[in-house]
Amino acid sequence: MQENQSHAEMLVSMTGKMVIPAEEFAGSSRLHPNGKPKGAFRDSLRKIPNFRNFLSVTLGLSFPPLIVWLVVSFSHPLTWIIAIVGMALAQNRLFIFHHEAAHRLLFSNRKFNDFIGIRLIGWLTFGSGSHGYRIGHIKHHRNEFGPEEPDFILYSFYPISKSSMIRKLLRDVSGISALRIIKPRFKQLKKARRLRLTISFLSGQISIAILFWLFCSLTMYLFLWLLPWACVYQLLNRIRAISEHGGMTQSSDRRETTHYVKQSRMAAFFITPFNVGYHLAHHVDMLVPSKNLPILNKALLEDGYITSSRIWPNYRSLWKALVN
């Protein structure tokens, strides 16, 4: 990417190669022309299921210690492999909770929402426990692929060559991508805010390491917490992210910024827990809690906002198309 390129030039050269021009949609009794839900339907969708989310978060937080217990109890090479992958899946689920909290949709009480989803989960899962992710993510929603899009490069250039995709995936599984994420945290530490965030980030990981040290060993922190995040979670995060926006472009019509992929139980288990796979519905109305995204998604299909021409039947078919 050339530094002197304007944003408009980057859009033309780097995005949009997988966009299907959006069909005209006049709206319906439930939906506005831009797909957003109307009136009573909208109000019903935006109710946050506090008790259900509390159970989901409690279960999600219990997965990491359960995985550690299984390894301690059944120490076998196959158990370790399953545990490393399982821990990355657990970290992925926790990050999705963090994403939900960033939208203030995890709990209706904002202080509790931020304490659990931002301060605690966001802090422990390789974050700083601050609102930095929320600020960047809202910019993403307000104008996908816009000048302030935090993940512009991540979604750009698709479809790409097979060799290019292999290089990206190798950077993920080798830990290079994780290193690139962590490295900026240790720059500009003379600035008070940067130093404070870095200290907070380190304190989160030191806290996790202490728990491992107390209940098993520091070696397990490296192999059952750090390694899964650095090598497996990064892979999961990339394939989910490019499945959401890879090859799309800036547009006021969310059908041209976001892919639609038909969901399955297997995809939900491995890649898109907590209904995050209903991503077009999420971008149509980012104030709809995850529990109700399937309901909004169904309305978008039934009322004609999403047509058959833009439905990817599964992730495998989309991934093939992302590689030219």
Protein backbone atom coordinates (compact mmCIF):
# COMPACT_ATOMS: atom_id res chain seq x y z
CA MET A 1 0.00 0.00 0.00
CA GLN A 2 1.37 3.41 -0.97
CA GLU A 3 1.37 5.94 1.84
CA ASN A 4 0.48 8.79 -0.52
CA GLN A 5 -2.59 7.03 -1.89
CA SER A 6 -5.90 8.72 -1.07
CA HIS A 7 -8.60 6.69 0.63
CA ALA A 8 -10.67 6.73 -2.56
CA GLU A 9 -7.72 5.31 -4.52
CA MET A 10 -7.22 2.57 -1.93
CA LEU A 11 -10.89 1.61 -2.16
CA VAL A 12 -10.60 1.17 -5.92
CA SER A 13 -7.33 -0.76 -5.89
CA MET A 14 -7.74 -2.81 -2.71
CA THR A 15 -11.43 -3.55 -2.10
CA GLY A 16 -14.71 -4.54 -3.70
CA LYS A 17 -13.68 -7.47 -5.88
CA MET A 18 -16.27 -9.77 -4.26
CA VAL A 19 -19.15 -7.30 -4.06
CA ILE A 20 -22.48 -8.23 -5.60
CA PRO A 21 -24.31 -4.95 -6.34
CA ALA A 22 -27.22 -4.62 -3.93
CA GLU A 23 -30.72 -5.09 -5.31
CA GLU A 24 -33.27 -2.37 -4.60
CA PHE A 25 -35.20 -3.01 -1.41
CA ALA A 26 -38.25 -0.83 -0.75
CA GLY A 27 -38.73 -2.00 2.82
CA SER A 28 -41.53 -4.01 4.38
CA SER A 29 -43.93 -3.93 7.28
CA ARG A 30 -41.07 -4.97 9.58
CA LEU A 31 -38.03 -3.43 7.91
CA HIS A 32 -36.88 -0.04 6.64
CA PRO A 33 -35.33 0.13 3.13
CA ASN A 34 -31.87 -0.12 4.74
CA GLY A 35 -32.91 -3.34 6.51
CA LYS A 36 -33.19 -1.85 9.99
CA PRO A 37 -36.18 -3.21 11.95
CA LYS A 38 -39.17 -0.95 12.60
CA GLY A 39 -41.26 -0.03 15.64
CA ALA A 40 -42.47 -2.85 17.86
CA PHE A 41 -40.41 -5.43 15.97
CA ARG A 42 -37.27 -3.35 16.60
CA ASP A 43 -38.13 -2.92 20.28
CA SER A 44 -38.64 -6.66 20.77
CA LEU A 45 -35.29 -7.41 19.12
CA ARG A 46 -33.33 -4.98 21.28
CA LYS A 47 -34.26 -6.56 24.63
CA ILE A 48 -31.09 -7.88 26.31
CA PRO A 49 -31.43 -11.42 27.79
CA ASN A 50 -29.54 -10.78 31.03
CA PHE A 51 -30.04 -14.16 32.70
CA ARG A 52 -29.21 -16.14 29.55
CA ASN A 53 -26.08 -14.07 28.99
CA PHE A 54 -25.04 -14.50 32.63
CA LEU A 55 -25.24 -18.28 32.24
CA SER A 56 -23.34 -18.13 28.94
CA VAL A 57 -20.55 -15.99 30.44
CA THR A 58 -20.31 -18.20 33.54
CA LEU A 59 -20.03 -21.29 31.33
CA GLY A 60 -17.51 -19.54 29.06
CA LEU A 61 -15.31 -18.57 32.00
CA SER A 62 -15.43 -22.13 33.32
CA PHE A 63 -14.07 -23.68 30.10
CA PRO A 64 -10.37 -22.68 30.57
CA PRO A 65 -10.02 -24.17 34.09
CA LEU A 66 -11.92 -27.26 32.93
CA ILE A 67 -9.48 -27.74 30.05
CA VAL A 68 -6.52 -27.39 32.44
CA TRP A 69 -8.08 -29.93 34.80
CA LEU A 70 -8.49 -32.42 31.94
CA VAL A 71 -4.81 -32.11 31.00
CA VAL A 72 -3.68 -32.50 34.61
CA SER A 73 -5.94 -35.51 35.10
CA PHE A 74 -5.29 -37.23 31.76
CA SER A 75 -1.76 -36.33 30.70
CA HIS A 76 -1.44 -37.79 27.20
CA PRO A 77 -0.04 -36.25 23.96
CA LEU A 78 -3.48 -36.40 22.33
CA THR A 79 -5.04 -34.72 25.37
CA TRP A 80 -2.56 -31.86 25.03
CA ILE A 81 -3.39 -31.34 21.35
CA ILE A 82 -7.12 -31.34 22.05
CA ALA A 83 -6.55 -29.00 25.00
CA ILE A 84 -4.55 -26.47 22.96
CA VAL A 85 -7.26 -26.31 20.29
CA GLY A 86 -10.00 -26.34 22.93
CA MET A 87 -8.38 -23.45 24.82
CA ALA A 88 -8.24 -21.38 21.62
CA LEU A 89 -11.95 -22.08 21.09
CA ALA A 90 -12.61 -20.99 24.68
CA GLN A 91 -10.59 -17.80 24.14
CA ASN A 92 -12.52 -17.14 20.94
CA ARG A 93 -15.81 -17.44 22.85
CA LEU A 94 -14.57 -15.09 25.57
CA PHE A 95 -13.54 -12.55 22.95
CA ILE A 96 -17.06 -12.72 21.45
CA PHE A 97 -18.43 -11.87 24.91
CA HIS A 98 -16.03 -8.92 24.95
CA HIS A 99 -17.36 -7.89 21.52
CA GLU A 100 -20.94 -8.08 22.80
CA ALA A 101 -20.02 -5.95 25.82
CA ALA A 102 -18.33 -3.41 23.53
CA HIS A 103 -21.77 -2.91 21.96
CA ARG A 104 -23.25 -2.65 25.49
CA LEU A 105 -25.40 -5.70 24.76
CA LEU A 106 -24.01 -8.26 27.21
CA PHE A 107 -25.97 -6.90 30.19
CA SER A 108 -28.55 -4.13 30.36
CA ASN A 109 -26.84 -2.61 33.42
CA ARG A 110 -24.01 -0.65 31.81
CA LYS A 111 -21.68 -0.73 34.81
CA PHE A 112 -22.05 -4.50 35.13
CA ASN A 113 -21.74 -4.90 31.34
CA ASP A 114 -18.47 -2.98 31.28
CA PHE A 115 -17.07 -4.57 34.43
CA ILE A 116 -17.61 -8.15 33.22
CA GLY A 117 -17.17 -7.75 29.47
CA ILE A 118 -14.55 -4.97 29.25
CA ARG A 119 -12.69 -4.71 32.55
CA LEU A 120 -12.56 -8.45 33.33
CA ILE A 121 -12.91 -10.53 30.15
CA GLY A 122 -11.28 -7.92 27.92
CA TRP A 123 -8.42 -7.60 30.41
CA LEU A 124 -7.73 -11.31 30.82
CA THR A 125 -7.99 -12.21 27.12
CA PHE A 126 -4.87 -10.28 26.08
CA GLY A 127 -6.42 -6.84 26.35
CA SER A 128 -5.88 -3.91 28.68
CA GLY A 129 -9.36 -3.78 30.21
CA SER A 130 -9.92 -0.35 28.65
CA HIS A 131 -12.44 0.96 26.14
CA GLY A 132 -9.91 1.03 23.29
CA TYR A 133 -11.46 -1.91 21.44
CA ARG A 134 -14.93 -0.40 21.76
CA ILE A 135 -13.80 2.92 20.28
CA GLY A 136 -12.14 1.28 17.28
CA HIS A 137 -14.94 -1.20 16.74
CA ILE A 138 -17.65 1.45 16.67
CA LYS A 139 -15.66 3.24 13.95
CA HIS A 140 -15.79 -0.03 12.02
CA HIS A 141 -19.57 -0.16 12.31
CA ARG A 142 -20.21 3.46 11.49
CA ASN A 143 -18.35 3.30 8.19
CA GLU A 144 -17.02 -0.10 7.11
CA PHE A 145 -13.91 0.36 4.95
CA GLY A 146 -14.04 4.09 5.70
CA PRO A 147 -11.01 6.30 6.45
CA GLU A 148 -11.08 5.29 10.14
CA GLU A 149 -11.66 1.55 9.56
CA PRO A 150 -9.25 -0.16 12.02
CA ASP A 151 -9.07 -3.40 10.00
CA PHE A 152 -8.93 -2.00 6.47
CA ILE A 153 -5.81 -4.01 5.52
CA LEU A 154 -7.16 -7.22 7.06
CA TYR A 155 -10.18 -7.20 4.72
CA SER A 156 -8.42 -5.86 1.60
CA PHE A 157 -7.13 -7.41 -1.65
CA TYR A 158 -9.44 -10.45 -1.63
CA PRO A 159 -9.65 -12.72 -3.48
CA ILE A 160 -5.94 -13.46 -3.09
CA SER A 161 -3.65 -16.14 -4.47
CA LYS A 162 -3.28 -19.50 -2.77
CA SER A 163 0.36 -18.76 -1.95
CA SER A 164 -0.58 -15.43 -0.35
CA MET A 165 -3.24 -17.09 1.79
CA ILE A 166 -0.79 -19.79 2.87
CA ARG A 167 1.70 -17.11 3.95
CA LYS A 168 -0.97 -15.35 6.01
CA LEU A 169 -2.06 -18.57 7.71
CA LEU A 170 1.55 -19.56 8.41
CA ARG A 171 2.11 -16.18 10.09
CA ASP A 172 -0.90 -16.94 12.28
CA VAL A 173 0.03 -20.47 13.34
CA SER A 174 3.69 -19.56 13.86
CA GLY A 175 2.87 -16.74 16.29
CA ILE A 176 4.14 -13.94 14.04
CA SER A 177 0.68 -12.33 13.83
CA ALA A 178 0.37 -12.41 17.62
CA LEU A 179 3.78 -10.80 17.98
CA ARG A 180 2.73 -8.02 15.61
CA ILE A 181 -0.34 -7.41 17.78
CA ILE A 182 1.61 -7.28 21.05
CA LYS A 183 4.64 -5.35 19.80
CA PRO A 184 2.92 -1.90 19.59
CA ARG A 185 1.98 -2.17 23.27
CA PHE A 186 5.63 -1.66 24.16
CA LYS A 187 6.15 1.45 22.03
CA GLN A 188 5.81 5.11 23.08
CA LEU A 189 5.91 4.15 26.76
CA LYS A 190 7.08 7.64 27.67
CA LYS A 191 3.46 8.71 27.18
CA ALA A 192 1.56 8.24 30.44
CA ARG A 193 -1.56 6.76 28.82
CA ARG A 194 0.43 4.25 26.75
CA LEU A 195 2.42 3.20 29.80
CA ARG A 196 -0.75 2.79 31.86
CA LEU A 197 -2.39 0.57 29.22
CA THR A 198 0.73 -1.56 28.85
CA ILE A 199 0.97 -2.05 32.61
CA SER A 200 -2.69 -3.03 32.67
CA PHE A 201 -2.13 -5.49 29.82
CA LEU A 202 0.85 -7.06 31.59
CA SER A 203 -1.00 -7.24 34.90
CA GLY A 204 -3.76 -9.27 33.24
CA GLN A 205 -1.34 -11.85 31.89
CA ILE A 206 0.67 -11.93 35.12
CA SER A 207 -2.60 -12.63 36.97
CA ILE A 208 -3.37 -15.54 34.64
CA ALA A 209 0.21 -16.83 35.01
CA ILE A 210 -0.07 -16.70 38.82
CA LEU A 211 -3.27 -18.77 38.70
CA PHE A 212 -1.51 -21.37 36.57
CA TRP A 213 1.47 -21.34 38.95
CA LEU A 214 -0.77 -21.82 42.01
CA PHE A 215 -2.91 -24.63 40.59
CA CYS A 216 -0.54 -26.43 38.20
CA SER A 217 2.61 -24.82 36.71
CA LEU A 218 3.93 -21.86 34.75
CA THR A 219 4.75 -24.27 31.92
CA MET A 220 1.04 -24.83 31.48
CA TYR A 221 0.52 -21.08 31.20
CA LEU A 222 2.86 -21.10 28.21
CA PHE A 223 1.37 -24.19 26.55
CA LEU A 224 -2.29 -23.94 27.56
CA TRP A 225 -2.89 -20.18 27.52
CA LEU A 226 -0.21 -18.29 25.60
CA LEU A 227 0.35 -20.85 22.81
CA PRO A 228 -3.36 -21.33 21.97
CA TRP A 229 -3.87 -17.56 21.71
CA ALA A 230 -0.68 -16.92 19.76
CA CYS A 231 -1.02 -19.74 17.24
CA VAL A 232 -4.59 -21.12 17.06
CA TYR A 233 -6.82 -18.22 18.08
CA GLN A 234 -5.10 -15.93 15.55
CA LEU A 235 -5.97 -18.41 12.81
CA LEU A 236 -9.60 -18.60 13.96
CA ASN A 237 -9.83 -14.82 14.16
CA ARG A 238 -8.49 -14.34 10.63
CA ILE A 239 -10.76 -16.85 8.93
CA ARG A 240 -13.78 -15.43 10.75
CA ALA A 241 -12.84 -11.82 9.93
CA ILE A 242 -12.27 -12.39 6.22
CA SER A 243 -15.49 -14.40 6.10
CA GLU A 244 -17.27 -11.31 7.39
CA HIS A 245 -15.76 -8.58 5.19
CA GLY A 246 -13.02 -9.97 2.92
CA GLY A 247 -13.30 -8.56 -0.61
CA MET A 248 -16.17 -6.21 0.22
CA THR A 249 -16.04 -2.40 0.13
CA GLN A 250 -17.24 0.90 1.58
CA SER A 251 -20.96 1.43 1.06
CA SER A 252 -24.03 2.76 2.84
CA ASP A 253 -25.68 -0.57 1.95
CA ARG A 254 -24.53 -3.24 4.41
CA ARG A 255 -25.04 -5.94 1.76
CA GLU A 256 -21.99 -4.52 -0.02
CA THR A 257 -19.80 -4.36 3.10
CA THR A 258 -20.56 -7.72 4.72
CA HIS A 259 -20.85 -11.33 3.52
CA TYR A 260 -23.85 -13.49 4.34
CA VAL A 261 -22.98 -17.09 5.26
CA LYS A 262 -25.55 -19.72 6.13
CA GLN A 263 -24.90 -20.87 9.69
CA SER A 264 -24.48 -24.41 10.97
CA ARG A 265 -23.92 -25.98 14.38
CA MET A 266 -20.37 -26.96 13.46
CA ALA A 267 -19.52 -23.41 12.38
CA ALA A 268 -21.08 -22.04 15.56
CA PHE A 269 -18.98 -24.39 17.69
CA PHE A 270 -15.62 -23.80 16.01
CA ILE A 271 -15.75 -20.28 14.55
CA THR A 272 -18.88 -18.25 15.27
CA PRO A 273 -20.16 -18.83 18.82
CA PHE A 274 -22.84 -16.68 20.42
CA ASN A 275 -24.53 -16.05 17.02
CA VAL A 276 -21.67 -13.84 15.80
CA GLY A 277 -21.97 -15.57 12.42
CA TYR A 278 -25.19 -13.66 11.68
CA HIS A 279 -22.87 -10.84 10.79
CA LEU A 280 -24.88 -9.08 8.10
CA ALA A 281 -27.83 -8.83 10.50
CA HIS A 282 -25.42 -7.51 13.14
CA HIS A 283 -24.23 -4.77 10.78
CA VAL A 284 -27.75 -3.90 9.70
CA ASP A 285 -28.57 -3.12 13.36
CA MET A 286 -25.66 -3.24 15.79
CA LEU A 287 -28.01 -2.65 18.74
CA VAL A 288 -29.64 -6.10 18.46
CA PRO A 289 -28.27 -8.56 21.08
CA SER A 290 -26.75 -11.78 19.79
CA LYS A 291 -29.67 -13.91 20.99
CA ASN A 292 -32.05 -12.08 18.67
CA LEU A 293 -29.83 -11.91 15.57
CA PRO A 294 -31.33 -15.15 14.15
CA ILE A 295 -34.79 -13.55 14.38
CA LEU A 296 -33.64 -10.42 12.55
CA ASN A 297 -31.77 -12.60 10.06
CA LYS A 298 -34.97 -14.57 9.34
CA ALA A 299 -36.89 -11.34 8.71
CA LEU A 300 -34.16 -10.07 6.35
CA LEU A 301 -34.50 -13.28 4.35
CA GLU A 302 -38.29 -13.53 4.40
CA ASP A 303 -38.86 -9.88 3.48
CA GLY A 304 -36.38 -9.90 0.59
CA TYR A 305 -33.52 -7.77 1.92
CA ILE A 306 -31.19 -10.77 1.59
CA THR A 307 -31.68 -12.60 -1.72
CA SER A 308 -30.41 -16.01 -2.80
CA SER A 309 -27.70 -14.48 -5.01
CA ARG A 310 -25.70 -13.32 -2.01
CA ILE A 311 -26.05 -16.36 0.25
CA TRP A 312 -22.92 -18.44 0.79
CA PRO A 313 -24.18 -21.95 1.66
CA ASN A 314 -21.28 -22.61 4.04
CA TYR A 315 -17.89 -21.22 5.07
CA ARG A 316 -16.00 -23.69 2.92
CA SER A 317 -17.51 -22.30 -0.28
CA LEU A 318 -16.69 -18.73 0.76
CA TRP A 319 -13.11 -19.61 1.70
CA LYS A 320 -12.61 -21.18 -1.75
CA ALA A 321 -13.85 -17.96 -3.36
CA LEU A 322 -11.55 -15.85 -1.17
CA VAL A 323 -8.59 -17.71 -2.70
CA ASN A 324 -8.27 -17.00 -6.44
